[in-house]
Amino acid sequence: MTEQANMERYRAAMRAMQSGVAFKMNYEGSETTPKSLRAGVNSALIDSGAIAQFLIAKGVFTAEEFSAQLAENAEREVKMYEDWIRARFGPEVTIR
């Protein structure tokens, strides 16, 4: 799969995760306060960007391999939110 295709998968999973977060905010808001979310987002972006740039520059993996893993991890995060919603509201919930 190309880097562009991987990034499309990643963006789709991130939109779905955003839906899961919004849903969870209405039922269990403790981990979804604006301060907690913003600090988490900022640190995650800084950390993953720095690590990826360093390892790609060192030739440990390619940008395409990184984007594939990024998409896979985002899709796993969506599944976590789907599982959380299903456990509380029923088995036929899929977020996108």
PDB file of N, CA and C in Angstrom:
ATOM      1  N   MET A   1       0.848  -1.172   0.000  1.00  0.00           N
ATOM      2  CA  MET A   1       0.000   0.000   0.000  1.00  0.00           C
ATOM      3  C   MET A   1       0.896   1.238   0.000  1.00  0.00           C
ATOM      4  N   THR A   2       0.479   2.257  -0.712  1.00  0.00           N
ATOM      5  CA  THR A   2       1.293   3.469  -0.812  1.00  0.00           C
ATOM      6  C   THR A   2       1.168   4.334   0.440  1.00  0.00           C
ATOM      7  N   GLU A   3       2.111   5.243   0.588  1.00  0.00           N
ATOM      8  CA  GLU A   3       2.054   6.172   1.717  1.00  0.00           C
ATOM      9  C   GLU A   3       0.757   6.988   1.675  1.00  0.00           C
ATOM     10  N   GLN A   4       0.348   7.408   0.486  1.00  0.00           N
ATOM     11  CA  GLN A   4      -0.883   8.182   0.348  1.00  0.00           C
ATOM     12  C   GLN A   4      -2.095   7.350   0.789  1.00  0.00           C
ATOM     13  N   ALA A   5      -2.164   6.095   0.375  1.00  0.00           N
ATOM     14  CA  ALA A   5      -3.272   5.225   0.786  1.00  0.00           C
ATOM     15  C   ALA A   5      -3.261   5.003   2.289  1.00  0.00           C
ATOM     16  N   ASN A   6      -2.076   4.833   2.855  1.00  0.00           N
ATOM     17  CA  ASN A   6      -1.975   4.661   4.307  1.00  0.00           C
ATOM     18  C   ASN A   6      -2.467   5.902   5.036  1.00  0.00           C
ATOM     19  N   MET A   7      -2.139   7.074   4.517  1.00  0.00           N
ATOM     20  CA  MET A   7      -2.566   8.306   5.168  1.00  0.00           C
ATOM     21  C   MET A   7      -4.078   8.497   5.045  1.00  0.00           C
ATOM     22  N   GLU A   8      -4.678   8.024   3.967  1.00  0.00           N
ATOM     23  CA  GLU A   8      -6.141   8.059   3.845  1.00  0.00           C
ATOM     24  C   GLU A   8      -6.773   7.162   4.912  1.00  0.00           C
ATOM     25  N   ARG A   9      -6.213   5.969   5.100  1.00  0.00           N
ATOM     26  CA  ARG A   9      -6.693   5.070   6.161  1.00  0.00           C
ATOM     27  C   ARG A   9      -6.566   5.750   7.516  1.00  0.00           C
ATOM     28  N   TYR A  10      -5.433   6.390   7.737  1.00  0.00           N
ATOM     29  CA  TYR A  10      -5.179   7.065   9.007  1.00  0.00           C
ATOM     30  C   TYR A  10      -6.209   8.175   9.238  1.00  0.00           C
ATOM     31  N   ARG A  11      -6.442   9.008   8.227  1.00  0.00           N
ATOM     32  CA  ARG A  11      -7.396  10.108   8.388  1.00  0.00           C
ATOM     33  C   ARG A  11      -8.812   9.582   8.647  1.00  0.00           C
ATOM     34  N   ALA A  12      -9.191   8.511   7.965  1.00  0.00           N
ATOM     35  CA  ALA A  12     -10.524   7.916   8.192  1.00  0.00           C
ATOM     36  C   ALA A  12     -10.644   7.394   9.621  1.00  0.00           C
ATOM     37  N   ALA A  13      -9.602   6.729  10.093  1.00  0.00           N
ATOM     38  CA  ALA A  13      -9.629   6.208  11.461  1.00  0.00           C
ATOM     39  C   ALA A  13      -9.642   7.346  12.476  1.00  0.00           C
ATOM     40  N   MET A  14      -8.925   8.417  12.202  1.00  0.00           N
ATOM     41  CA  MET A  14      -8.907   9.547  13.130  1.00  0.00           C
ATOM     42  C   MET A  14     -10.277  10.222  13.201  1.00  0.00           C
ATOM     43  N   ARG A  15     -10.987  10.306  12.070  1.00  0.00           N
ATOM     44  CA  ARG A  15     -12.347  10.866  12.101  1.00  0.00           C
ATOM     45  C   ARG A  15     -13.261   9.970  12.930  1.00  0.00           C
ATOM     46  N   ALA A  16     -13.121   8.667  12.758  1.00  0.00           N
ATOM     47  CA  ALA A  16     -13.937   7.731  13.540  1.00  0.00           C
ATOM     48  C   ALA A  16     -13.603   7.827  15.021  1.00  0.00           C
ATOM     49  N   MET A  17     -12.323   7.945  15.337  1.00  0.00           N
ATOM     50  CA  MET A  17     -11.924   8.073  16.735  1.00  0.00           C
ATOM     51  C   MET A  17     -12.509   9.352  17.318  1.00  0.00           C
ATOM     52  N   GLN A  18     -12.521  10.417  16.552  1.00  0.00           N
ATOM     53  CA  GLN A  18     -13.099  11.667  17.020  1.00  0.00           C
ATOM     54  C   GLN A  18     -14.570  11.466  17.390  1.00  0.00           C
ATOM     55  N   SER A  19     -15.282  10.684  16.602  1.00  0.00           N
ATOM     56  CA  SER A  19     -16.677  10.377  16.924  1.00  0.00           C
ATOM     57  C   SER A  19     -16.772   9.592  18.222  1.00  0.00           C
ATOM     58  N   GLY A  20     -15.861   8.636  18.412  1.00  0.00           N
ATOM     59  CA  GLY A  20     -15.848   7.864  19.649  1.00  0.00           C
ATOM     60  C   GLY A  20     -15.568   8.731  20.867  1.00  0.00           C
ATOM     61  N   VAL A  21     -14.628   9.645  20.743  1.00  0.00           N
ATOM     62  CA  VAL A  21     -14.296  10.550  21.849  1.00  0.00           C
ATOM     63  C   VAL A  21     -15.505  11.421  22.171  1.00  0.00           C
ATOM     64  N   ALA A  22     -16.148  11.972  21.151  1.00  0.00           N
ATOM     65  CA  ALA A  22     -17.317  12.831  21.375  1.00  0.00           C
ATOM     66  C   ALA A  22     -18.416  12.063  22.089  1.00  0.00           C
ATOM     67  N   PHE A  23     -18.629  10.830  21.686  1.00  0.00           N
ATOM     68  CA  PHE A  23     -19.650  10.003  22.322  1.00  0.00           C
ATOM     69  C   PHE A  23     -19.296   9.750  23.781  1.00  0.00           C
ATOM     70  N   LYS A  24     -18.044   9.382  24.025  1.00  0.00           N
ATOM     71  CA  LYS A  24     -17.608   9.071  25.389  1.00  0.00           C
ATOM     72  C   LYS A  24     -17.671  10.299  26.291  1.00  0.00           C
ATOM     73  N   MET A  25     -17.418  11.476  25.752  1.00  0.00           N
ATOM     74  CA  MET A  25     -17.463  12.709  26.542  1.00  0.00           C
ATOM     75  C   MET A  25     -18.824  12.899  27.203  1.00  0.00           C
ATOM     76  N   ASN A  26     -19.864  12.412  26.546  1.00  0.00           N
ATOM     77  CA  ASN A  26     -21.215  12.574  27.077  1.00  0.00           C
ATOM     78  C   ASN A  26     -21.537  11.594  28.203  1.00  0.00           C
ATOM     79  N   TYR A  27     -20.721  10.574  28.395  1.00  0.00           N
ATOM     80  CA  TYR A  27     -21.026   9.548  29.383  1.00  0.00           C
ATOM     81  C   TYR A  27     -19.954   9.382  30.451  1.00  0.00           C
ATOM     82  N   GLU A  28     -18.709   9.606  30.116  1.00  0.00           N
ATOM     83  CA  GLU A  28     -17.597   9.518  31.059  1.00  0.00           C
ATOM     84  C   GLU A  28     -16.588  10.599  30.698  1.00  0.00           C
ATOM     85  N   GLY A  29     -16.765  11.776  31.232  1.00  0.00           N
ATOM     86  CA  GLY A  29     -15.983  12.916  30.795  1.00  0.00           C
ATOM     87  C   GLY A  29     -14.634  13.103  31.452  1.00  0.00           C
ATOM     88  N   SER A  30     -14.273  12.262  32.412  1.00  0.00           N
ATOM     89  CA  SER A  30     -13.057  12.525  33.186  1.00  0.00           C
ATOM     90  C   SER A  30     -11.789  12.619  32.340  1.00  0.00           C
ATOM     91  N   GLU A  31     -11.635  11.752  31.380  1.00  0.00           N
ATOM     92  CA  GLU A  31     -10.406  11.777  30.567  1.00  0.00           C
ATOM     93  C   GLU A  31     -10.538  12.659  29.344  1.00  0.00           C
ATOM     94  N   THR A  32     -11.670  13.293  29.183  1.00  0.00           N
ATOM     95  CA  THR A  32     -11.889  14.086  27.973  1.00  0.00           C
ATOM     96  C   THR A  32     -12.070  15.574  28.267  1.00  0.00           C
ATOM     97  N   THR A  33     -11.526  16.052  29.370  1.00  0.00           N
ATOM     98  CA  THR A  33     -11.578  17.493  29.627  1.00  0.00           C
ATOM     99  C   THR A  33     -10.700  18.189  28.593  1.00  0.00           C
ATOM    100  N   PRO A  34     -11.028  19.415  28.236  1.00  0.00           N
ATOM    101  CA  PRO A  34     -10.227  20.118  27.215  1.00  0.00           C
ATOM    102  C   PRO A  34      -8.729  20.170  27.545  1.00  0.00           C
ATOM    103  N   LYS A  35      -8.389  20.432  28.784  1.00  0.00           N
ATOM    104  CA  LYS A  35      -6.972  20.509  29.150  1.00  0.00           C
ATOM    105  C   LYS A  35      -6.283  19.165  28.954  1.00  0.00           C
ATOM    106  N   SER A  36      -6.925  18.079  29.411  1.00  0.00           N
ATOM    107  CA  SER A  36      -6.330  16.747  29.256  1.00  0.00           C
ATOM    108  C   SER A  36      -6.156  16.378  27.792  1.00  0.00           C
ATOM    109  N   LEU A  37      -7.177  16.642  27.002  1.00  0.00           N
ATOM    110  CA  LEU A  37      -7.101  16.312  25.576  1.00  0.00           C
ATOM    111  C   LEU A  37      -6.023  17.120  24.866  1.00  0.00           C
ATOM    112  N   ARG A  38      -5.968  18.410  25.117  1.00  0.00           N
ATOM    113  CA  ARG A  38      -5.001  19.265  24.424  1.00  0.00           C
ATOM    114  C   ARG A  38      -3.575  18.898  24.796  1.00  0.00           C
ATOM    115  N   ALA A  39      -3.320  18.680  26.081  1.00  0.00           N
ATOM    116  CA  ALA A  39      -1.974  18.298  26.510  1.00  0.00           C
ATOM    117  C   ALA A  39      -1.578  16.958  25.906  1.00  0.00           C
ATOM    118  N   GLY A  40      -2.499  16.034  25.879  1.00  0.00           N
ATOM    119  CA  GLY A  40      -2.219  14.728  25.287  1.00  0.00           C
ATOM    120  C   GLY A  40      -1.938  14.806  23.808  1.00  0.00           C
ATOM    121  N   VAL A  41      -2.724  15.586  23.109  1.00  0.00           N
ATOM    122  CA  VAL A  41      -2.535  15.755  21.663  1.00  0.00           C
ATOM    123  C   VAL A  41      -1.182  16.400  21.374  1.00  0.00           C
ATOM    124  N   ASN A  42      -0.892  17.485  22.073  1.00  0.00           N
ATOM    125  CA  ASN A  42       0.372  18.180  21.826  1.00  0.00           C
ATOM    126  C   ASN A  42       1.573  17.274  22.064  1.00  0.00           C
ATOM    127  N   SER A  43       1.594  16.580  23.184  1.00  0.00           N
ATOM    128  CA  SER A  43       2.754  15.741  23.491  1.00  0.00           C
ATOM    129  C   SER A  43       2.862  14.564  22.528  1.00  0.00           C
ATOM    130  N   ALA A  44       1.743  13.978  22.153  1.00  0.00           N
ATOM    131  CA  ALA A  44       1.777  12.855  21.212  1.00  0.00           C
ATOM    132  C   ALA A  44       2.295  13.284  19.847  1.00  0.00           C
ATOM    133  N   LEU A  45       1.862  14.448  19.377  1.00  0.00           N
ATOM    134  CA  LEU A  45       2.333  14.939  18.085  1.00  0.00           C
ATOM    135  C   LEU A  45       3.830  15.213  18.089  1.00  0.00           C
ATOM    136  N   ILE A  46       4.274  15.849  19.129  1.00  0.00           N
ATOM    137  CA  ILE A  46       5.703  16.152  19.238  1.00  0.00           C
ATOM    138  C   ILE A  46       6.524  14.868  19.303  1.00  0.00           C
ATOM    139  N   ASP A  47       6.113  13.950  20.164  1.00  0.00           N
ATOM    140  CA  ASP A  47       6.856  12.699  20.348  1.00  0.00           C
ATOM    141  C   ASP A  47       6.910  11.857  19.078  1.00  0.00           C
ATOM    142  N   SER A  48       5.751  11.585  18.499  1.00  0.00           N
ATOM    143  CA  SER A  48       5.738  10.699  17.335  1.00  0.00           C
ATOM    144  C   SER A  48       6.424  11.330  16.132  1.00  0.00           C
ATOM    145  N   GLY A  49       6.257  12.634  15.954  1.00  0.00           N
ATOM    146  CA  GLY A  49       6.919  13.306  14.841  1.00  0.00           C
ATOM    147  C   GLY A  49       8.431  13.257  14.955  1.00  0.00           C
ATOM    148  N   ALA A  50       8.938  13.517  16.153  1.00  0.00           N
ATOM    149  CA  ALA A  50      10.389  13.505  16.358  1.00  0.00           C
ATOM    150  C   ALA A  50      10.965  12.102  16.161  1.00  0.00           C
ATOM    151  N   ILE A  51      10.314  11.121  16.728  1.00  0.00           N
ATOM    152  CA  ILE A  51      10.796   9.739  16.602  1.00  0.00           C
ATOM    153  C   ILE A  51      10.771   9.295  15.140  1.00  0.00           C
ATOM    154  N   ALA A  52       9.659   9.559  14.465  1.00  0.00           N
ATOM    155  CA  ALA A  52       9.541   9.148  13.070  1.00  0.00           C
ATOM    156  C   ALA A  52      10.593   9.816  12.195  1.00  0.00           C
ATOM    157  N   GLN A  53      10.753  11.111  12.338  1.00  0.00           N
ATOM    158  CA  GLN A  53      11.751  11.824  11.529  1.00  0.00           C
ATOM    159  C   GLN A  53      13.146  11.275  11.774  1.00  0.00           C
ATOM    160  N   PHE A  54      13.480  11.030  13.009  1.00  0.00           N
ATOM    161  CA  PHE A  54      14.798  10.512  13.355  1.00  0.00           C
ATOM    162  C   PHE A  54      15.022   9.128  12.750  1.00  0.00           C
ATOM    163  N   LEU A  55      14.076   8.230  12.930  1.00  0.00           N
ATOM    164  CA  LEU A  55      14.258   6.858  12.451  1.00  0.00           C
ATOM    165  C   LEU A  55      14.199   6.747  10.931  1.00  0.00           C
ATOM    166  N   ILE A  56      13.399   7.571  10.280  1.00  0.00           N
ATOM    167  CA  ILE A  56      13.383   7.589   8.814  1.00  0.00           C
ATOM    168  C   ILE A  56      14.721   8.102   8.302  1.00  0.00           C
ATOM    169  N   ALA A  57      15.234   9.160   8.912  1.00  0.00           N
ATOM    170  CA  ALA A  57      16.534   9.706   8.502  1.00  0.00           C
ATOM    171  C   ALA A  57      17.659   8.700   8.705  1.00  0.00           C
ATOM    172  N   LYS A  58      17.559   7.877   9.736  1.00  0.00           N
ATOM    173  CA  LYS A  58      18.575   6.844  10.018  1.00  0.00           C
ATOM    174  C   LYS A  58      18.401   5.613   9.134  1.00  0.00           C
ATOM    175  N   GLY A  59      17.307   5.540   8.389  1.00  0.00           N
ATOM    176  CA  GLY A  59      17.069   4.399   7.505  1.00  0.00           C
ATOM    177  C   GLY A  59      16.512   3.180   8.212  1.00  0.00           C
ATOM    178  N   VAL A  60      15.989   3.360   9.416  1.00  0.00           N
ATOM    179  CA  VAL A  60      15.429   2.232  10.163  1.00  0.00           C
ATOM    180  C   VAL A  60      14.144   1.745   9.512  1.00  0.00           C
ATOM    181  N   PHE A  61      13.322   2.671   9.043  1.00  0.00           N
ATOM    182  CA  PHE A  61      12.129   2.329   8.278  1.00  0.00           C
ATOM    183  C   PHE A  61      11.834   3.474   7.319  1.00  0.00           C
ATOM    184  N   THR A  62      10.928   3.210   6.384  1.00  0.00           N
ATOM    185  CA  THR A  62      10.586   4.223   5.380  1.00  0.00           C
ATOM    186  C   THR A  62       9.353   5.013   5.822  1.00  0.00           C
ATOM    187  N   ALA A  63       9.117   6.115   5.143  1.00  0.00           N
ATOM    188  CA  ALA A  63       7.916   6.907   5.412  1.00  0.00           C
ATOM    189  C   ALA A  63       6.666   6.081   5.117  1.00  0.00           C
ATOM    190  N   GLU A  64       6.718   5.234   4.102  1.00  0.00           N
ATOM    191  CA  GLU A  64       5.574   4.374   3.770  1.00  0.00           C
ATOM    192  C   GLU A  64       5.304   3.367   4.883  1.00  0.00           C
ATOM    193  N   GLU A  65       6.358   2.757   5.411  1.00  0.00           N
ATOM    194  CA  GLU A  65       6.178   1.819   6.524  1.00  0.00           C
ATOM    195  C   GLU A  65       5.611   2.535   7.752  1.00  0.00           C
ATOM    196  N   PHE A  66       6.091   3.733   8.006  1.00  0.00           N
ATOM    197  CA  PHE A  66       5.590   4.499   9.137  1.00  0.00           C
ATOM    198  C   PHE A  66       4.113   4.831   8.954  1.00  0.00           C
ATOM    199  N   SER A  67       3.741   5.284   7.759  1.00  0.00           N
ATOM    200  CA  SER A  67       2.339   5.644   7.528  1.00  0.00           C
ATOM    201  C   SER A  67       1.427   4.425   7.648  1.00  0.00           C
ATOM    202  N   ALA A  68       1.892   3.250   7.226  1.00  0.00           N
ATOM    203  CA  ALA A  68       1.100   2.022   7.377  1.00  0.00           C
ATOM    204  C   ALA A  68       0.872   1.708   8.848  1.00  0.00           C
ATOM    205  N   GLN A  69       1.908   1.827   9.654  1.00  0.00           N
ATOM    206  CA  GLN A  69       1.778   1.559  11.090  1.00  0.00           C
ATOM    207  C   GLN A  69       0.895   2.601  11.758  1.00  0.00           C
ATOM    208  N   LEU A  70       1.026   3.840  11.329  1.00  0.00           N
ATOM    209  CA  LEU A  70       0.206   4.922  11.866  1.00  0.00           C
ATOM    210  C   LEU A  70      -1.276   4.639  11.618  1.00  0.00           C
ATOM    211  N   ALA A  71      -1.607   4.236  10.391  1.00  0.00           N
ATOM    212  CA  ALA A  71      -2.996   3.909  10.055  1.00  0.00           C
ATOM    213  C   ALA A  71      -3.489   2.725  10.879  1.00  0.00           C
ATOM    214  N   GLU A  72      -2.663   1.700  11.023  1.00  0.00           N
ATOM    215  CA  GLU A  72      -3.049   0.515  11.801  1.00  0.00           C
ATOM    216  C   GLU A  72      -3.328   0.896  13.257  1.00  0.00           C
ATOM    217  N   ASN A  73      -2.478   1.716  13.831  1.00  0.00           N
ATOM    218  CA  ASN A  73      -2.669   2.115  15.228  1.00  0.00           C
ATOM    219  C   ASN A  73      -3.936   2.953  15.392  1.00  0.00           C
ATOM    220  N   ALA A  74      -4.223   3.837  14.444  1.00  0.00           N
ATOM    221  CA  ALA A  74      -5.440   4.649  14.513  1.00  0.00           C
ATOM    222  C   ALA A  74      -6.674   3.763  14.412  1.00  0.00           C
ATOM    223  N   GLU A  75      -6.627   2.758  13.543  1.00  0.00           N
ATOM    224  CA  GLU A  75      -7.750   1.831  13.409  1.00  0.00           C
ATOM    225  C   GLU A  75      -7.953   1.019  14.691  1.00  0.00           C
ATOM    226  N   ARG A  76      -6.877   0.668  15.361  1.00  0.00           N
ATOM    227  CA  ARG A  76      -6.976  -0.041  16.640  1.00  0.00           C
ATOM    228  C   ARG A  76      -7.631   0.854  17.699  1.00  0.00           C
ATOM    229  N   GLU A  77      -7.314   2.130  17.672  1.00  0.00           N
ATOM    230  CA  GLU A  77      -7.922   3.085  18.609  1.00  0.00           C
ATOM    231  C   GLU A  77      -9.427   3.200  18.355  1.00  0.00           C
ATOM    232  N   VAL A  78      -9.837   3.221  17.098  1.00  0.00           N
ATOM    233  CA  VAL A  78     -11.259   3.244  16.757  1.00  0.00           C
ATOM    234  C   VAL A  78     -11.944   2.011  17.336  1.00  0.00           C
ATOM    235  N   LYS A  79     -11.326   0.852  17.188  1.00  0.00           N
ATOM    236  CA  LYS A  79     -11.913  -0.381  17.719  1.00  0.00           C
ATOM    237  C   LYS A  79     -12.108  -0.287  19.227  1.00  0.00           C
ATOM    238  N   MET A  80     -11.157   0.336  19.931  1.00  0.00           N
ATOM    239  CA  MET A  80     -11.291   0.495  21.371  1.00  0.00           C
ATOM    240  C   MET A  80     -12.544   1.293  21.704  1.00  0.00           C
ATOM    241  N   TYR A  81     -12.798   2.382  20.980  1.00  0.00           N
ATOM    242  CA  TYR A  81     -13.996   3.176  21.221  1.00  0.00           C
ATOM    243  C   TYR A  81     -15.255   2.410  20.819  1.00  0.00           C
ATOM    244  N   GLU A  82     -15.201   1.686  19.714  1.00  0.00           N
ATOM    245  CA  GLU A  82     -16.360   0.871  19.321  1.00  0.00           C
ATOM    246  C   GLU A  82     -16.677  -0.157  20.394  1.00  0.00           C
ATOM    247  N   ASP A  83     -15.663  -0.824  20.923  1.00  0.00           N
ATOM    248  CA  ASP A  83     -15.877  -1.814  21.986  1.00  0.00           C
ATOM    249  C   ASP A  83     -16.498  -1.171  23.214  1.00  0.00           C
ATOM    250  N   TRP A  84     -16.020   0.026  23.570  1.00  0.00           N
ATOM    251  CA  TRP A  84     -16.548   0.736  24.736  1.00  0.00           C
ATOM    252  C   TRP A  84     -18.025   1.067  24.522  1.00  0.00           C
ATOM    253  N   ILE A  85     -18.362   1.569  23.334  1.00  0.00           N
ATOM    254  CA  ILE A  85     -19.751   1.928  23.033  1.00  0.00           C
ATOM    255  C   ILE A  85     -20.623   0.680  23.003  1.00  0.00           C
ATOM    256  N   ARG A  86     -20.156  -0.373  22.356  1.00  0.00           N
ATOM    257  CA  ARG A  86     -20.938  -1.622  22.269  1.00  0.00           C
ATOM    258  C   ARG A  86     -21.225  -2.212  23.639  1.00  0.00           C
ATOM    259  N   ALA A  87     -20.244  -2.156  24.528  1.00  0.00           N
ATOM    260  CA  ALA A  87     -20.429  -2.720  25.870  1.00  0.00           C
ATOM    261  C   ALA A  87     -21.541  -1.996  26.624  1.00  0.00           C
ATOM    262  N   ARG A  88     -21.773  -0.755  26.291  1.00  0.00           N
ATOM    263  CA  ARG A  88     -22.775   0.021  27.005  1.00  0.00           C
ATOM    264  C   ARG A  88     -24.097   0.174  26.267  1.00  0.00           C
ATOM    265  N   PHE A  89     -24.073   0.094  24.929  1.00  0.00           N
ATOM    266  CA  PHE A  89     -25.282   0.433  24.170  1.00  0.00           C
ATOM    267  C   PHE A  89     -25.700  -0.614  23.160  1.00  0.00           C
ATOM    268  N   GLY A  90     -24.951  -1.663  22.983  1.00  0.00           N
ATOM    269  CA  GLY A  90     -25.386  -2.702  22.065  1.00  0.00           C
ATOM    270  C   GLY A  90     -24.345  -3.095  21.056  1.00  0.00           C
ATOM    271  N   PRO A  91     -24.512  -4.280  20.503  1.00  0.00           N
ATOM    272  CA  PRO A  91     -23.470  -4.864  19.641  1.00  0.00           C
ATOM    273  C   PRO A  91     -23.415  -4.322  18.213  1.00  0.00           C
ATOM    274  N   GLU A  92     -24.375  -3.548  17.795  1.00  0.00           N
ATOM    275  CA  GLU A  92     -24.419  -3.139  16.391  1.00  0.00           C
ATOM    276  C   GLU A  92     -23.895  -1.725  16.158  1.00  0.00           C
ATOM    277  N   VAL A  93     -22.933  -1.283  16.929  1.00  0.00           N
ATOM    278  CA  VAL A  93     -22.414   0.080  16.808  1.00  0.00           C
ATOM    279  C   VAL A  93     -21.088   0.067  16.054  1.00  0.00           C
ATOM    280  N   THR A  94     -21.008   0.867  15.011  1.00  0.00           N
ATOM    281  CA  THR A  94     -19.766   1.082  14.280  1.00  0.00           C
ATOM    282  C   THR A  94     -19.615   2.583  14.099  1.00  0.00           C
ATOM    283  N   ILE A  95     -18.439   3.107  14.424  1.00  0.00           N
ATOM    284  CA  ILE A  95     -18.226   4.541  14.243  1.00  0.00           C
ATOM    285  C   ILE A  95     -17.364   4.775  13.011  1.00  0.00           C
ATOM    286  N   ARG A  96     -17.655   5.821  12.306  1.00  0.00           N
ATOM    287  CA  ARG A  96     -16.899   6.183  11.093  1.00  0.00           C
ATOM    288  C   ARG A  96     -16.813   7.667  10.973  1.00  0.00           C
TER     289      ARG A  96
END
